[in-house]
Protein backbone atom coordinates (compact mmCIF):
# COMPACT_ATOMS: atom_id res chain seq x y z
CA MET A 1 -0.23 0.04 -0.12
CA ILE A 2 1.16 3.52 -0.93
CA TYR A 3 -0.06 6.75 0.72
CA PRO A 4 1.04 10.01 1.27
CA THR A 5 2.62 11.73 4.06
CA ARG A 6 1.87 14.63 6.47
CA MET A 7 4.44 16.23 4.47
CA ALA A 8 3.15 15.81 1.32
CA VAL A 9 -0.25 16.64 2.26
CA LEU A 10 0.99 20.21 4.13
CA ALA A 11 3.16 20.82 0.74
CA ALA A 12 -0.01 20.48 -1.50
CA ALA A 13 -2.38 22.16 0.24
CA ILE A 14 -0.08 25.25 0.99
CA GLY A 15 -0.24 25.03 -2.75
CA ALA A 16 -3.85 25.75 -2.84
CA PRO A 17 -3.50 29.63 -1.62
CA ILE A 18 -1.23 29.68 -4.64
CA ALA A 19 -3.44 28.21 -7.18
CA LEU A 20 -6.01 30.75 -6.33
CA LEU A 21 -3.63 34.13 -6.43
CA VAL A 22 -2.99 33.29 -9.63
CA ALA A 23 -6.17 32.11 -11.13
CA MET A 24 -7.33 36.11 -10.34
CA LEU A 25 -4.23 37.62 -11.56
CA PHE A 26 -4.38 35.88 -14.77
CA PRO A 27 -7.49 34.49 -15.26
CA ALA A 28 -6.68 33.59 -18.28
CA ARG A 29 -4.05 31.45 -17.36
CA TRP A 30 -5.73 29.78 -14.58
CA TYR A 31 -4.46 26.29 -14.96
CA ALA A 32 -0.68 27.99 -14.48
CA GLY A 33 -1.59 27.61 -10.49
CA LEU A 34 -2.00 23.77 -10.72
CA GLY A 35 1.57 23.22 -11.28
CA TRP A 36 1.94 23.19 -7.50
CA PRO A 37 -0.10 20.41 -6.34
CA LEU A 38 1.24 18.12 -9.61
CA ALA A 39 4.84 18.95 -9.11
CA VAL A 40 4.34 17.35 -5.65
CA LEU A 41 2.12 14.62 -6.87
CA ALA A 42 4.83 13.77 -8.92
CA LEU A 43 7.59 14.05 -6.40
CA VAL A 44 4.94 11.43 -3.95
CA ALA A 45 5.24 9.20 -7.34
CA VAL A 46 8.79 9.53 -7.45
CA ASP A 47 9.73 8.74 -3.79
CA ALA A 48 7.57 5.99 -3.63
CA LEU A 49 8.88 4.54 -6.61
CA LEU A 50 12.37 4.93 -4.79
CA GLY A 51 11.41 3.60 -1.87
CA ARG A 52 10.53 0.17 -3.28
CA ALA A 53 11.99 -2.90 -0.85
CA ARG A 54 11.45 -6.33 0.81
CA ALA A 55 10.17 -5.93 4.43
CA SER A 56 9.34 -8.41 7.32
CA ALA A 57 8.94 -7.87 10.67
CA THR A 58 9.26 -10.90 13.24
CA LEU A 59 7.67 -10.84 17.00
CA ALA A 60 9.00 -12.73 19.34
CA LEU A 61 6.14 -13.46 21.89
CA PRO A 62 7.28 -15.53 24.48
CA ARG A 63 5.52 -18.72 25.63
CA SER A 64 3.06 -17.46 28.25
CA ALA A 65 2.39 -14.52 30.17
CA PRO A 66 1.38 -13.71 33.42
CA VAL A 67 -1.54 -11.97 33.78
CA GLY A 68 -1.11 -8.10 35.13
CA VAL A 69 2.61 -8.12 34.54
CA ASP A 70 4.15 -5.93 32.62
CA LEU A 71 5.56 -7.81 29.49
CA SER A 72 8.13 -6.43 27.00
CA VAL A 73 8.30 -8.25 23.47
CA PRO A 74 10.91 -7.49 20.95
CA ILE A 75 9.92 -6.51 17.36
CA ALA A 76 13.09 -7.09 14.64
CA VAL A 77 12.51 -5.14 11.60
CA THR A 78 14.19 -5.72 8.25
CA ILE A 79 14.18 -3.54 5.19
CA ALA A 80 16.00 -4.61 2.23
CA GLY A 81 16.65 -1.79 -0.31
CA ARG A 82 18.42 1.14 -2.03
CA HIS A 83 17.08 4.16 -0.54
CA VAL A 84 15.82 2.96 2.97
CA GLY A 85 15.49 5.84 5.39
CA GLY A 86 16.90 5.51 8.97
CA ALA A 87 13.56 4.63 10.79
CA ALA A 88 10.24 2.69 10.40
CA GLN A 89 7.36 2.47 12.00
CA VAL A 90 5.41 -0.97 13.20
CA ALA A 91 2.30 -1.46 14.46
CA LEU A 92 0.24 -4.32 16.10
CA ALA A 93 -3.67 -5.00 16.26
CA ARG A 94 -5.00 -4.39 19.41
CA ASP A 95 -6.70 -7.95 21.28
CA PRO A 96 -9.02 -7.03 23.80
CA LEU A 97 -7.10 -9.26 26.93
CA VAL A 98 -3.72 -6.93 26.60
CA THR A 99 -3.18 -3.32 26.51
CA MET A 100 -0.27 -1.57 24.59
CA PRO A 101 0.53 2.09 25.26
CA GLY A 102 0.23 4.01 21.78
CA ASP A 103 -2.22 2.29 20.71
CA GLY A 104 0.24 -0.46 19.92
CA ARG A 105 2.83 1.66 17.52
CA LEU A 106 6.27 1.70 17.96
CA ASP A 107 9.29 3.71 16.08
CA VAL A 108 11.82 1.63 14.99
CA ALA A 109 15.12 2.79 14.11
CA LEU A 110 16.97 1.55 11.26
CA GLU A 111 20.41 0.70 10.51
CA ALA A 112 21.41 -0.43 7.60
CA GLY A 113 17.85 -1.24 6.71
CA ARG A 114 17.57 -3.32 10.25
CA GLY A 115 16.15 -2.42 13.39
CA THR A 116 14.74 -3.62 16.82
CA ALA A 117 12.85 -2.51 19.28
CA ALA A 118 10.53 -3.37 22.49
CA LEU A 119 6.59 -3.24 22.53
CA LEU A 120 5.34 -3.29 26.38
CA LEU A 121 2.43 -5.04 26.82
CA THR A 122 0.32 -5.56 29.60
CA PRO A 123 -2.09 -8.93 30.24
CA TRP A 124 -5.03 -7.87 32.36
CA ARG A 125 -7.11 -11.13 32.01
CA ARG A 126 -6.48 -14.50 31.36
CA GLY A 127 -7.04 -16.56 28.25
CA THR A 128 -5.33 -16.65 24.91
CA ALA A 129 -4.39 -13.01 23.31
CA ARG A 130 -4.15 -13.55 19.36
CA PHE A 131 -1.85 -11.24 17.52
CA ALA A 132 -3.14 -11.91 13.61
CA THR A 133 -2.27 -8.98 11.81
CA LEU A 134 1.02 -6.75 11.95
CA TRP A 135 1.27 -3.74 10.11
CA LEU A 136 5.00 -2.21 8.97
CA ARG A 137 5.61 1.37 6.47
CA TRP A 138 8.52 3.21 6.05
CA ALA A 139 9.19 5.98 3.86
CA GLY A 140 10.96 7.44 1.05
CA PRO A 141 13.86 8.87 0.66
CA LEU A 142 12.33 12.57 0.06
CA GLY A 143 9.48 11.89 2.95
CA LEU A 144 6.43 12.77 1.06
CA ALA A 145 5.29 8.64 0.32
CA TRP A 146 4.75 5.75 2.59
CA ARG A 147 4.85 2.83 1.90
CA GLN A 148 2.69 -0.12 4.09
CA VAL A 149 2.95 -3.57 4.25
CA ARG A 150 0.35 -6.06 6.26
CA ILE A 151 2.28 -9.23 7.40
CA ASP A 152 -0.69 -11.54 8.53
CA GLY A 153 0.52 -14.85 10.97
CA ASP A 154 -0.69 -16.97 13.68
CA ARG A 155 0.45 -15.08 17.27
CA VAL A 156 -0.81 -16.47 20.05
CA LEU A 157 0.02 -15.29 23.84
CA PRO A 158 -1.54 -17.85 26.27
CA ILE A 159 -2.19 -15.46 29.15
CA LEU A 160 -1.74 -17.67 32.76
CA PRO A 161 -2.40 -17.02 36.55
CA ASP A 162 0.20 -14.80 37.89
CA VAL A 163 2.74 -17.64 39.71
CA GLU A 164 5.65 -14.91 39.94
CA ALA A 165 5.08 -15.32 43.67
CA VAL A 166 5.64 -19.13 43.86
CA ARG A 167 8.79 -18.39 41.56
CA ARG A 168 10.00 -15.68 43.78
CA HIS A 169 8.89 -16.63 47.38
CA GLY A 170 7.63 -20.15 47.26
CA ALA A 171 11.17 -21.22 48.98
CA GLN A 172 10.80 -18.62 51.77
CA VAL A 173 7.27 -19.26 52.39
CA PHE A 174 8.25 -22.80 52.69
CA GLN A 175 10.89 -22.29 54.95
CA ARG A 176 8.77 -19.98 56.73
CA HIS A 177 5.71 -21.89 57.02
CA ALA A 178 7.22 -25.58 57.60
CA VAL A 179 5.20 -27.28 60.05
CA GLN A 180 7.15 -29.09 62.71
CA GLY A 181 6.17 -32.94 62.23
CA LEU A 182 5.97 -32.93 58.64
CA LEU A 183 9.39 -34.68 57.43
CA ALA A 184 8.84 -38.06 57.30
CA GLN A 185 11.98 -38.77 59.89
CA SER A 186 10.25 -36.37 62.31
CA ASP A 187 6.63 -36.79 62.27
CA ARG A 188 6.32 -39.01 65.40
CA GLY A 189 4.32 -37.17 68.25
CA ASP A 190 2.15 -34.33 66.23
CA GLY A 191 -1.04 -34.59 65.03
CA THR A 192 -4.02 -36.78 64.96
CA ASP A 193 -2.90 -39.97 62.76
CA PHE A 194 -2.28 -43.06 65.39
CA ASP A 195 1.38 -44.25 64.80
CA ALA A 196 2.30 -46.52 67.26
CA LEU A 197 2.08 -47.93 71.17
CA VAL A 198 4.69 -46.41 73.05
CA GLU A 199 6.11 -46.48 76.90
CA PHE A 200 5.14 -43.36 78.24
CA ARG A 201 7.89 -41.07 78.72
CA SER A 202 8.50 -37.58 81.11
CA GLY A 203 6.77 -34.96 78.90
CA MET A 204 4.64 -36.80 77.07
CA ASP A 205 0.81 -35.66 77.11
CA ARG A 206 -0.97 -37.77 79.66
CA ARG A 207 -4.31 -37.53 77.89
CA ALA A 208 -2.33 -39.69 75.37
CA ILE A 209 -2.01 -42.77 78.10
CA ASP A 210 -4.00 -45.81 77.14
CA TRP A 211 -5.17 -47.09 80.64
CA LYS A 212 -6.66 -50.36 79.02
CA GLN A 213 -3.11 -51.57 77.46
CA SER A 214 -1.26 -49.95 80.56
CA ALA A 215 -3.34 -52.26 83.05
CA ARG A 216 -2.46 -55.25 80.57
CA HIS A 217 1.19 -54.60 80.99
CA ARG A 218 1.41 -53.18 83.84
CA LYS A 219 3.11 -50.41 82.43
CA LEU A 220 2.28 -46.80 81.75
CA TYR A 221 1.93 -46.85 77.70
CA ALA A 222 0.81 -44.07 75.68
CA LYS A 223 -0.65 -43.72 71.75
CA GLU A 224 2.03 -41.67 69.94
CA TYR A 225 0.72 -39.79 66.53
CA ARG A 226 1.89 -38.30 63.82
CA THR A 227 0.86 -35.81 61.19
CA GLU A 228 -1.51 -36.50 58.87
CA ARG A 229 0.09 -36.35 55.76
CA ASN A 230 -2.82 -36.92 52.78
CA SER A 231 -5.61 -33.63 53.59
CA GLN A 232 -7.62 -32.88 51.16
CA ILE A 233 -7.75 -29.06 50.31
CA VAL A 234 -10.21 -28.40 47.78
CA PHE A 235 -10.33 -24.29 46.27
CA ALA A 236 -13.47 -23.06 45.51
CA ILE A 237 -13.26 -19.89 43.48
CA ASP A 238 -16.14 -18.03 42.61
CA ALA A 239 -16.08 -17.01 38.94
CA GLY A 240 -19.20 -14.55 39.21
CA ARG A 241 -19.90 -10.45 38.56
CA GLN A 242 -19.17 -9.40 41.76
CA MET A 243 -15.60 -11.37 41.12
CA SER A 244 -14.96 -10.40 37.79
CA ASP A 245 -14.48 -6.84 38.83
CA PRO A 246 -11.64 -5.01 39.34
CA VAL A 247 -9.29 -4.54 42.39
CA GLY A 248 -5.77 -2.83 41.80
CA GLY A 249 -6.41 -2.59 38.20
CA ILE A 250 -6.59 -6.64 38.18
CA PRO A 251 -9.92 -8.94 38.75
CA ARG A 252 -10.97 -10.03 42.07
CA VAL A 253 -11.05 -14.06 40.79
CA ASP A 254 -7.35 -13.10 39.26
CA ARG A 255 -6.15 -12.50 42.73
CA ALA A 256 -8.26 -15.51 44.07
CA VAL A 257 -6.66 -17.36 41.58
CA SER A 258 -2.73 -16.54 42.64
CA ALA A 259 -3.26 -16.56 46.27
CA ALA A 260 -4.76 -20.38 45.22
CA LEU A 261 -2.17 -21.04 43.00
CA LEU A 262 0.53 -20.44 46.30
CA THR A 263 -1.17 -22.21 49.02
CA GLY A 264 -1.52 -25.23 46.43
CA TRP A 265 1.82 -25.39 45.76
CA LEU A 266 2.68 -25.75 49.66
CA ALA A 267 -0.17 -27.80 50.20
CA LEU A 268 1.32 -30.43 47.92
CA LYS A 269 5.20 -29.85 48.94
CA LEU A 270 3.66 -30.63 52.76
CA GLY A 271 1.53 -34.09 51.01
CA ASP A 272 -1.58 -33.03 51.07
CA ARG A 273 -3.63 -33.32 48.11
CA VAL A 274 -5.24 -30.35 46.26
CA SER A 275 -8.82 -30.12 43.90
CA LEU A 276 -9.73 -27.10 41.85
CA ASN A 277 -13.43 -25.80 41.38
CA ALA A 278 -14.94 -22.58 40.16
CA PHE A 279 -18.33 -21.85 39.82
CA ASP A 280 -21.20 -18.76 38.97
CA SER A 281 -24.86 -19.49 38.09
CA ARG A 282 -23.60 -23.56 38.16
CA PRO A 283 -20.58 -25.32 38.57
CA ARG A 284 -17.76 -24.81 35.71
CA LEU A 285 -15.00 -26.46 36.89
CA ALA A 286 -14.24 -29.44 39.16
CA SER A 287 -11.12 -31.07 39.17
CA GLY A 288 -9.92 -34.28 40.89
CA PHE A 289 -7.75 -34.38 43.61
CA ILE A 290 -4.20 -34.28 42.73
CA GLY A 291 -0.84 -34.92 44.90
CA GLY A 292 3.20 -34.60 44.64
CA ALA A 293 5.48 -31.73 44.18
CA GLY A 294 5.79 -32.11 40.38
CA ALA A 295 1.56 -32.00 40.40
CA PHE A 296 1.52 -28.14 40.44
CA PRO A 297 2.13 -27.52 36.61
CA GLU A 298 -1.63 -29.27 35.86
CA LEU A 299 -2.58 -27.03 38.90
CA GLN A 300 -1.48 -24.30 36.96
CA HIS A 301 -3.42 -25.61 33.56
CA LEU A 302 -6.51 -26.05 35.25
CA ALA A 303 -6.65 -22.54 37.10
CA ALA A 304 -5.93 -20.86 33.50
CA GLY A 305 -9.23 -22.11 32.28
CA ILE A 306 -11.22 -20.28 34.99
CA ASP A 307 -13.45 -18.01 33.01
CA TYR A 308 -14.56 -14.64 33.47
CA SER A 309 -18.29 -14.05 33.86
CA GLY A 310 -21.27 -11.84 34.36
CA ASP A 311 -24.20 -14.02 35.90
CA GLU A 312 -25.08 -13.42 39.58
CA THR A 313 -23.69 -16.49 41.37
CA ASN A 314 -25.71 -19.18 42.87
CA TYR A 315 -23.85 -20.25 46.41
CA THR A 316 -26.98 -23.20 47.08
CA PHE A 317 -26.27 -24.99 43.74
CA ALA A 318 -22.52 -24.87 43.30
CA LEU A 319 -21.71 -26.01 47.20
CA THR A 320 -24.57 -28.57 47.21
CA THR A 321 -22.95 -29.85 43.88
CA LEU A 322 -19.67 -29.64 45.49
CA ALA A 323 -20.12 -31.08 48.81
CA ALA A 324 -21.77 -34.28 46.76
CA ARG A 325 -18.63 -35.10 45.28
CA LEU A 326 -16.85 -35.27 48.38
CA THR A 327 -16.30 -38.29 49.78
CA ARG A 328 -14.04 -37.75 52.95
CA ARG A 329 -13.65 -34.62 55.56
CA SER A 330 -12.06 -31.87 53.64
CA MET A 331 -10.53 -28.70 54.01
CA ILE A 332 -12.99 -25.65 51.62
CA VAL A 333 -11.21 -22.56 50.77
CA LEU A 334 -14.20 -20.50 49.18
CA PHE A 335 -12.94 -17.67 47.43
CA THR A 336 -15.93 -15.01 47.01
CA GLU A 337 -17.58 -11.44 47.13
CA PHE A 338 -20.57 -10.28 48.31
CA THR A 339 -22.81 -7.06 48.14
CA ASP A 340 -26.35 -7.30 48.65
CA PRO A 341 -27.91 -9.40 51.75
CA THR A 342 -30.18 -11.97 49.83
CA SER A 343 -26.80 -13.42 48.37
CA ALA A 344 -25.52 -13.14 51.81
CA ASP A 345 -27.75 -15.03 53.14
CA PHE A 346 -27.71 -17.80 50.61
CA LEU A 347 -24.00 -17.99 50.93
CA VAL A 348 -24.13 -18.18 54.84
CA ARG A 349 -27.12 -21.21 54.58
CA ALA A 350 -24.86 -23.56 51.83
CA VAL A 351 -21.84 -22.78 54.08
CA ALA A 352 -24.18 -23.83 57.19
CA ARG A 353 -24.57 -27.15 55.61
CA LEU A 354 -20.96 -27.62 54.99
CA LEU A 355 -19.92 -27.06 58.29
CA LYS A 356 -21.54 -30.58 59.54
CA THR A 357 -18.74 -32.63 57.65
CA HIS A 358 -16.03 -30.47 56.37
CA LEU A 359 -13.55 -27.50 57.55
CA VAL A 360 -14.37 -24.20 55.70
CA LEU A 361 -12.34 -21.23 54.99
CA VAL A 362 -13.71 -18.21 53.42
CA VAL A 363 -11.47 -15.64 51.66
CA VAL A 364 -13.05 -12.05 51.03
CA LEU A 365 -11.07 -8.85 49.50
CA ARG A 366 -10.98 -5.97 51.75
CA ASP A 367 -13.31 -3.49 49.65
CA ASP A 368 -10.17 -0.86 49.72
CA GLU A 369 -13.29 1.49 47.33
CA LEU A 370 -16.01 1.53 50.25
CA GLU A 371 -13.95 2.45 52.68
CA THR A 372 -11.86 5.33 51.10
CA ILE A 373 -15.45 6.76 50.48
CA VAL A 374 -16.42 6.15 54.09
CA ASP A 375 -13.03 7.89 55.56
CA ALA A 376 -12.77 11.15 53.00
CA ALA A 377 -13.78 14.27 54.38
CA PRO A 378 -16.83 14.97 52.58
CA VAL A 379 -17.14 18.30 50.33
CA GLN A 380 -20.18 18.83 48.80
CA PRO A 381 -23.41 17.22 50.41
CA ALA A 382 -23.16 14.34 47.77
CA ASP A 383 -19.98 13.24 49.42
CA VAL A 384 -22.22 12.81 52.44
CA THR A 385 -25.08 10.70 50.98
CA ARG A 386 -22.08 8.39 49.76
CA ALA A 387 -20.34 8.34 52.53
CA VAL A 388 -23.01 6.93 54.64
CA THR A 389 -24.43 4.05 51.60
CA ALA A 390 -21.01 3.39 51.99
CA ALA A 391 -21.24 2.82 55.46
CA ALA A 392 -24.31 1.10 55.28
CA LEU A 393 -22.57 -1.79 52.71
CA LEU A 394 -19.82 -1.94 55.26
CA ARG A 395 -21.87 -2.77 57.68
CA ASP A 396 -23.58 -5.42 56.37
CA ARG A 397 -20.36 -7.17 54.88
CA ARG A 398 -19.33 -6.96 58.56
CA LEU A 399 -22.59 -8.67 59.85
CA VAL A 400 -22.46 -11.09 57.21
CA LEU A 401 -18.49 -12.15 58.22
CA THR A 402 -19.28 -12.20 61.86
CA ARG A 403 -22.38 -14.60 61.26
CA LEU A 404 -19.75 -17.06 59.34
CA ARG A 405 -17.75 -16.57 62.31
CA HIS A 406 -20.29 -17.61 64.91
CA LEU A 407 -20.76 -20.72 62.90
CA GLY A 408 -17.24 -21.92 62.77
CA VAL A 409 -16.33 -20.46 59.53
CA HIS A 410 -12.80 -19.52 59.37
CA VAL A 411 -12.39 -15.90 57.44
CA ILE A 412 -9.82 -14.30 56.07
CA GLU A 413 -10.18 -10.34 54.90
CA SER A 414 -7.30 -9.54 53.34
CA PRO A 415 -5.93 -6.34 51.40
CA HIS A 416 -5.58 -7.60 47.71
CA ASP A 417 -2.32 -7.46 47.78
CA GLU A 418 -1.93 -9.33 50.86
CA VAL A 419 -4.76 -12.20 50.50
CA ALA A 420 -1.84 -14.93 48.94
CA GLU A 421 0.25 -14.77 52.30
CA ARG A 422 -2.60 -14.48 54.25
CA LEU A 423 -4.07 -18.12 52.99
CA VAL A 424 -1.12 -19.69 53.56
CA GLU A 425 -0.54 -18.38 56.90
CA GLY A 426 -4.41 -19.57 57.61
CA TYR A 427 -3.40 -22.76 55.88
CA VAL A 428 -0.29 -23.56 58.17
CA ASP A 429 -2.03 -22.47 61.20
CA LEU A 430 -4.91 -24.88 60.84
CA LYS A 431 -2.74 -27.52 60.04
CA ARG A 432 -0.87 -26.74 62.78
CA ARG A 433 -3.74 -26.78 65.17
CA SER A 434 -4.53 -30.44 63.60
CA LEU A 435 -8.18 -29.23 62.38
CA LEU A 436 -8.05 -30.57 58.73
């Protein structure tokens, strides 16, 4: 494709007053005024011919990218021609899952017809971003004509949950929260799983004395326990409309997925089995239990399949279906968000049924927007109304969380940037207290 540059358009526009002046001064030779725009047109044609070249551009996309993390993608440009300038421009087709500064346009400096530049991409939703079209253009030696080529290709970028916290802090978290007695060589004397009957020694818990066996052997014998390493951890992620709203620039469901992955990595390291579930108006994802540290890539792949939804959450349907699939006591970590009392009441009722058999941990993100409105000093009368409404919503929210705690549910309400660490601490604390 060939089209004039801004310089050519301005040069042609400057000739319009000249053509008008010639027509006014020399009416019989009015056509002489057309010489300027015709000369500009001829120069554009010459510039387009001189700017002929073979061009190519390569976009080096990584195999995957984490959501919410800036990504620098290199672009290599090659323009083979005799009269190639010192710069070119690249434009990349936009994808709704990715934001790009400058609307995806980038200037590339050329040296001997070759140049590289870096395009900044910010994935803000999980999924598969596709960049099927890339445009490359360069100007002729006179700077009057653009030559543009369209380069099609199958360029895909899988956007996965952010596991940078696992890579960066995984080892530190594991060392900091390692539960004493979880290693095979030192797991006796702690936990709830019966291991052996041993002779009572000073310092042992007197409640562990087996009086029947002690009477039979005429010595004090006590039961020694070991930590149960095969607990079942279920991450139930609400992917409904309210969880799709952003907090800190990233949807709540992605915050939940990142926290679940970090905790799931630690649980797999500690010998527990992990399952992943997602739901909105109905169950969307229900995986089986996986175990072993090598199973984490499978857990990450499952988490990448959790989609965003605009449906209202149906707690009764989702949690009843989940409870029917569980055949033994499990720890259910429920990530959710609620604003109206009606949906919150359904949540409380559904969780109360789970508590009869399972251990439930509810994780919610602190609503910073409402707290900011409440704490802000009013400037206009509308600010007072807004603050009163926000305070009422926060009061209803705290009431629901209090009801859950009274039922025996463990609740974590955390800022969005601390939810992963808070969840790990909650999981390790429950495991240390042998509540799993």
